[in-house]
C-alpha atoms as a PDB file:
ATOM      1  CA  MET A   1      85.151 117.125  84.534  1.00  0.00           C
ATOM      2  CA  LEU A   2      86.711 113.599  83.797  1.00  0.00           C
ATOM      3  CA  ASP A   3      89.338 115.200  81.273  1.00  0.00           C
ATOM      4  CA  ASP A   4      90.532 117.481  84.312  1.00  0.00           C
ATOM      5  CA  LEU A   5      90.880 114.806  86.806  1.00  0.00           C
ATOM      6  CA  ARG A   6      92.854 112.686  84.133  1.00  0.00           C
ATOM      7  CA  GLU A   7      95.116 115.865  83.445  1.00  0.00           C
ATOM      8  CA  LEU A   8      95.565 116.216  87.210  1.00  0.00           C
ATOM      9  CA  TYR A   9      96.545 112.721  87.790  1.00  0.00           C
ATOM     10  CA  GLN A  10      99.007 112.811  84.692  1.00  0.00           C
ATOM     11  CA  GLU A  11     100.452 115.946  86.365  1.00  0.00           C
ATOM     12  CA  VAL A  12     101.059 113.963  89.739  1.00  0.00           C
ATOM     13  CA  ILE A  13     102.629 111.287  87.705  1.00  0.00           C
ATOM     14  CA  LEU A  14     105.113 113.326  85.751  1.00  0.00           C
ATOM     15  CA  ASP A  15     105.938 115.292  88.933  1.00  0.00           C
ATOM     16  CA  HIS A  16     106.841 112.090  90.939  1.00  0.00           C
ATOM     17  CA  GLY A  17     108.485 110.615  87.779  1.00  0.00           C
ATOM     18  CA  LYS A  18     110.805 113.557  87.328  1.00  0.00           C
ATOM     19  CA  ASN A  19     111.171 114.611  91.014  1.00  0.00           C
ATOM     20  CA  PRO A  20     110.994 111.383  93.029  1.00  0.00           C
ATOM     21  CA  ARG A  21     110.530 111.445  96.740  1.00  0.00           C
ATOM     22  CA  ASN A  22     112.543 109.240  99.075  1.00  0.00           C
ATOM     23  CA  PHE A  23     115.288 108.715  96.093  1.00  0.00           C
ATOM     24  CA  GLY A  24     118.402 107.331  97.421  1.00  0.00           C
ATOM     25  CA  GLN A  25     119.845 104.536  99.872  1.00  0.00           C
ATOM     26  CA  PRO A  26     119.623 105.531 103.557  1.00  0.00           C
ATOM     27  CA  SER A  27     122.841 105.183 105.625  1.00  0.00           C
ATOM     28  CA  HIS A  28     121.397 102.279 107.521  1.00  0.00           C
ATOM     29  CA  VAL A  29     119.130  99.642 105.983  1.00  0.00           C
ATOM     30  CA  ASP A  30     117.170  96.886 107.779  1.00  0.00           C
ATOM     31  CA  ARG A  31     115.372  95.258 104.612  1.00  0.00           C
ATOM     32  CA  ARG A  32     116.407  95.409 101.005  1.00  0.00           C
ATOM     33  CA  ALA A  33     115.139  94.212  97.868  1.00  0.00           C
ATOM     34  CA  GLU A  34     115.782  94.355  93.976  1.00  0.00           C
ATOM     35  CA  GLY A  35     112.763  94.229  91.551  1.00  0.00           C
ATOM     36  CA  TYR A  36     112.876  94.077  88.169  1.00  0.00           C
ATOM     37  CA  ASN A  37     110.326  94.089  85.143  1.00  0.00           C
ATOM     38  CA  PRO A  38     111.868  91.992  82.324  1.00  0.00           C
ATOM     39  CA  LEU A  39     109.121  93.416  79.672  1.00  0.00           C
ATOM     40  CA  CYS A  40     110.414  96.964  79.685  1.00  0.00           C
ATOM     41  CA  GLY A  41     113.664  96.957  81.885  1.00  0.00           C
ATOM     42  CA  ASP A  42     112.492  99.108  84.764  1.00  0.00           C
ATOM     43  CA  ALA A  43     114.626  97.919  87.818  1.00  0.00           C
ATOM     44  CA  LEU A  44     114.804  99.496  91.395  1.00  0.00           C
ATOM     45  CA  THR A  45     116.072  98.661  94.739  1.00  0.00           C
ATOM     46  CA  LEU A  46     113.769  99.205  97.770  1.00  0.00           C
ATOM     47  CA  TYR A  47     115.220 100.153 101.340  1.00  0.00           C
ATOM     48  CA  LEU A  48     113.627  99.855 104.407  1.00  0.00           C
ATOM     49  CA  VAL A  49     114.495 101.231 107.710  1.00  0.00           C
ATOM     50  CA  LEU A  50     112.221  99.774 110.594  1.00  0.00           C
ATOM     51  CA  GLU A  51     111.329 100.998 113.940  1.00  0.00           C
ATOM     52  CA  ALA A  52     112.320  98.623 117.123  1.00  0.00           C
ATOM     53  CA  ASP A  53     108.512  97.614 116.946  1.00  0.00           C
ATOM     54  CA  GLY A  54     108.757  96.769 113.230  1.00  0.00           C
ATOM     55  CA  ARG A  55     107.064  99.748 111.856  1.00  0.00           C
ATOM     56  CA  ILE A  56     108.393 101.190 108.579  1.00  0.00           C
ATOM     57  CA  LYS A  57     110.537 104.290 109.736  1.00  0.00           C
ATOM     58  CA  GLU A  58     111.912 105.282 106.380  1.00  0.00           C
ATOM     59  CA  ALA A  59     111.216 103.836 102.760  1.00  0.00           C
ATOM     60  CA  ALA A  60     113.530 104.805 100.013  1.00  0.00           C
ATOM     61  CA  PHE A  61     114.311 103.369  96.506  1.00  0.00           C
ATOM     62  CA  ASP A  62     116.656 103.945  93.727  1.00  0.00           C
ATOM     63  CA  GLY A  63     117.046 102.580  90.286  1.00  0.00           C
ATOM     64  CA  LYS A  64     115.662 103.345  86.719  1.00  0.00           C
ATOM     65  CA  GLY A  65     112.416 103.260  84.907  1.00  0.00           C
ATOM     66  CA  CYS A  66     109.399 104.815  83.115  1.00  0.00           C
ATOM     67  CA  ALA A  67     107.550 107.802  84.720  1.00  0.00           C
ATOM     68  CA  ILE A  68     104.733 105.292  85.788  1.00  0.00           C
ATOM     69  CA  SER A  69     107.097 103.093  87.634  1.00  0.00           C
ATOM     70  CA  VAL A  70     109.119 105.779  89.316  1.00  0.00           C
ATOM     71  CA  ALA A  71     106.052 107.619  90.324  1.00  0.00           C
ATOM     72  CA  SER A  72     104.578 104.673  92.039  1.00  0.00           C
ATOM     73  CA  ALA A  73     107.676 103.748  93.950  1.00  0.00           C
ATOM     74  CA  SER A  74     107.938 107.489  94.904  1.00  0.00           C
ATOM     75  CA  LEU A  75     104.195 107.633  96.129  1.00  0.00           C
ATOM     76  CA  MET A  76     104.708 104.273  97.992  1.00  0.00           C
ATOM     77  CA  THR A  77     107.568 105.413  99.986  1.00  0.00           C
ATOM     78  CA  GLU A  78     105.641 108.367 101.226  1.00  0.00           C
ATOM     79  CA  ILE A  79     102.906 106.425 102.288  1.00  0.00           C
ATOM     80  CA  LEU A  80     104.510 103.564 103.983  1.00  0.00           C
ATOM     81  CA  GLN A  81     106.325 105.637 106.441  1.00  0.00           C
ATOM     82  CA  GLY A  82     104.629 104.549 109.895  1.00  0.00           C
ATOM     83  CA  LYS A  83     103.144 101.835 108.552  1.00  0.00           C
ATOM     84  CA  THR A  84     103.246  98.304 110.181  1.00  0.00           C
ATOM     85  CA  PRO A  85     104.161  95.296 107.840  1.00  0.00           C
ATOM     86  CA  ALA A  86     100.460  94.332 108.049  1.00  0.00           C
ATOM     87  CA  GLU A  87      99.428  97.667 106.986  1.00  0.00           C
ATOM     88  CA  ALA A  88     101.872  97.626 104.331  1.00  0.00           C
ATOM     89  CA  GLU A  89     100.753  94.230 102.805  1.00  0.00           C
ATOM     90  CA  ALA A  90      97.268  95.281 103.242  1.00  0.00           C
ATOM     91  CA  LEU A  91      97.977  98.402 100.805  1.00  0.00           C
ATOM     92  CA  PHE A  92      99.962  96.004  98.532  1.00  0.00           C
ATOM     93  CA  GLU A  93      96.842  93.895  98.029  1.00  0.00           C
ATOM     94  CA  THR A  94      94.447  96.827  97.641  1.00  0.00           C
ATOM     95  CA  PHE A  95      96.685  98.625  95.338  1.00  0.00           C
ATOM     96  CA  HIS A  96      97.248  95.691  93.137  1.00  0.00           C
ATOM     97  CA  LYS A  97      93.397  94.873  93.189  1.00  0.00           C
ATOM     98  CA  MET A  98      92.818  98.694  92.140  1.00  0.00           C
ATOM     99  CA  CYS A  99      95.339  98.438  89.332  1.00  0.00           C
ATOM    100  CA  THR A 100      93.894  95.128  88.007  1.00  0.00           C
ATOM    101  CA  ASP A 101      90.345  94.676  88.845  1.00  0.00           C
ATOM    102  CA  GLU A 102      87.775  96.585  86.785  1.00  0.00           C
ATOM    103  CA  SER A 103      85.166  96.036  89.626  1.00  0.00           C
ATOM    104  CA  PHE A 104      87.415  97.860  92.241  1.00  0.00           C
ATOM    105  CA  ASP A 105      85.566 100.543  94.108  1.00  0.00           C
ATOM    106  CA  LEU A 106      86.797 102.787  96.868  1.00  0.00           C
ATOM    107  CA  LEU A 107      83.326 102.515  98.595  1.00  0.00           C
ATOM    108  CA  ASP A 108      83.931  98.867  98.879  1.00  0.00           C
ATOM    109  CA  LEU A 109      87.034  99.072 101.062  1.00  0.00           C
ATOM    110  CA  ASP A 110      87.421  97.685 104.474  1.00  0.00           C
ATOM    111  CA  LEU A 111      88.653 100.858 106.220  1.00  0.00           C
ATOM    112  CA  GLU A 112      89.745  98.650 109.454  1.00  0.00           C
ATOM    113  CA  LYS A 113      92.376  96.942 107.335  1.00  0.00           C
ATOM    114  CA  VAL A 114      93.612  99.499 104.700  1.00  0.00           C
ATOM    115  CA  ASP A 115      94.351 103.410 104.993  1.00  0.00           C
ATOM    116  CA  GLU A 116      91.724 104.889 102.818  1.00  0.00           C
ATOM    117  CA  GLU A 117      93.614 108.453 102.695  1.00  0.00           C
ATOM    118  CA  ALA A 118      96.636 106.125 101.174  1.00  0.00           C
ATOM    119  CA  ILE A 119      94.483 104.593  98.665  1.00  0.00           C
ATOM    120  CA  GLU A 120      92.916 107.938  97.367  1.00  0.00           C
ATOM    121  CA  ARG A 121      96.460 109.055  96.833  1.00  0.00           C
ATOM    122  CA  LEU A 122      97.194 106.193  94.846  1.00  0.00           C
ATOM    123  CA  GLN A 123      94.237 106.380  92.769  1.00  0.00           C
ATOM    124  CA  VAL A 124      96.381 108.616  90.219  1.00  0.00           C
ATOM    125  CA  LEU A 125      97.730 105.379  89.072  1.00  0.00           C
ATOM    126  CA  ALA A 126      94.587 103.779  88.658  1.00  0.00           C
ATOM    127  CA  GLY A 127      94.326 104.250  85.081  1.00  0.00           C
ATOM    128  CA  VAL A 128      96.943 101.584  84.234  1.00  0.00           C
ATOM    129  CA  ARG A 129      94.094  99.225  84.180  1.00  0.00           C
ATOM    130  CA  GLN A 130      93.216 100.278  80.822  1.00  0.00           C
ATOM    131  CA  PHE A 131      96.550  99.364  79.650  1.00  0.00           C
ATOM    132  CA  PRO A 132      97.580  96.024  80.890  1.00  0.00           C
ATOM    133  CA  VAL A 133     101.338  96.237  79.645  1.00  0.00           C
ATOM    134  CA  ARG A 134     101.544  99.063  82.366  1.00  0.00           C
ATOM    135  CA  VAL A 135     100.172  97.301  85.089  1.00  0.00           C
ATOM    136  CA  LYS A 136     103.730  95.983  85.948  1.00  0.00           C
ATOM    137  CA  CYS A 137     105.197  99.356  85.773  1.00  0.00           C
ATOM    138  CA  ALA A 138     102.839 100.513  88.466  1.00  0.00           C
ATOM    139  CA  THR A 139     103.158  97.530  90.670  1.00  0.00           C
ATOM    140  CA  LEU A 140     106.791  96.789  90.421  1.00  0.00           C
ATOM    141  CA  ALA A 141     107.618  99.116  93.648  1.00  0.00           C
ATOM    142  CA  TRP A 142     104.917  97.200  95.495  1.00  0.00           C
ATOM    143  CA  HIS A 143     105.990  93.481  94.378  1.00  0.00           C
ATOM    144  CA  THR A 144     109.399  94.661  95.685  1.00  0.00           C
ATOM    145  CA  LEU A 145     108.143  95.940  98.927  1.00  0.00           C
ATOM    146  CA  HIS A 146     106.106  92.502  99.473  1.00  0.00           C
ATOM    147  CA  ALA A 147     109.817  90.810  98.655  1.00  0.00           C
ATOM    148  CA  ALA A 148     111.454  92.904 101.328  1.00  0.00           C
ATOM    149  CA  LEU A 149     108.784  92.274 103.992  1.00  0.00           C
ATOM    150  CA  ALA A 150     109.251  88.690 103.150  1.00  0.00           C
ATOM    151  CA  GLY A 151     112.915  88.647 103.482  1.00  0.00           C
ATOM    152  CA  ASP A 152     113.463  87.913  99.871  1.00  0.00           C
ATOM    153  CA  GLU A 153     115.991  89.994  98.099  1.00  0.00           C
ATOM    154  CA  GLN A 154     114.800  89.958  94.542  1.00  0.00           C
ATOM    155  CA  VAL A 155     111.486  89.923  92.609  1.00  0.00           C
ATOM    156  CA  SER A 156     110.517  89.916  89.208  1.00  0.00           C
ATOM    157  CA  THR A 157     107.301  91.082  87.498  1.00  0.00           C
ATOM    158  CA  GLU A 158     107.507  88.167  85.138  1.00  0.00           C
END
């Protein structure tokens, strides 16, 4: 059963890596940030279009990177649409913990603060915990999101 789940996760990562969603620059952008992983050369630019109330109307990205980096950015842009900046930050924190903390457990989530369905979708990337060098690949887009929300234009995973 575990092997079947791992294979499914790999298929999702490969699909998003080869066919990224929300790839490209929107015609109008409210926030923009560039992210770079000097360890492997992954680089992406994240674009956010905001509603009048600050909610994320559209999230898109472009750049180049490994399948994990691109898949993470692709999944992230799908999940962010309709979220407030606070909700996006909570997702960033939870996703980062999921990728780095061996004790992470979905059952411990505070569902008042984080979207359980979104974290369940992102679970496909949790396996990077076993490969610390790949954590930066999976979290690059998220660090770039954090920078864009803070008004920073560049971020490095270094």
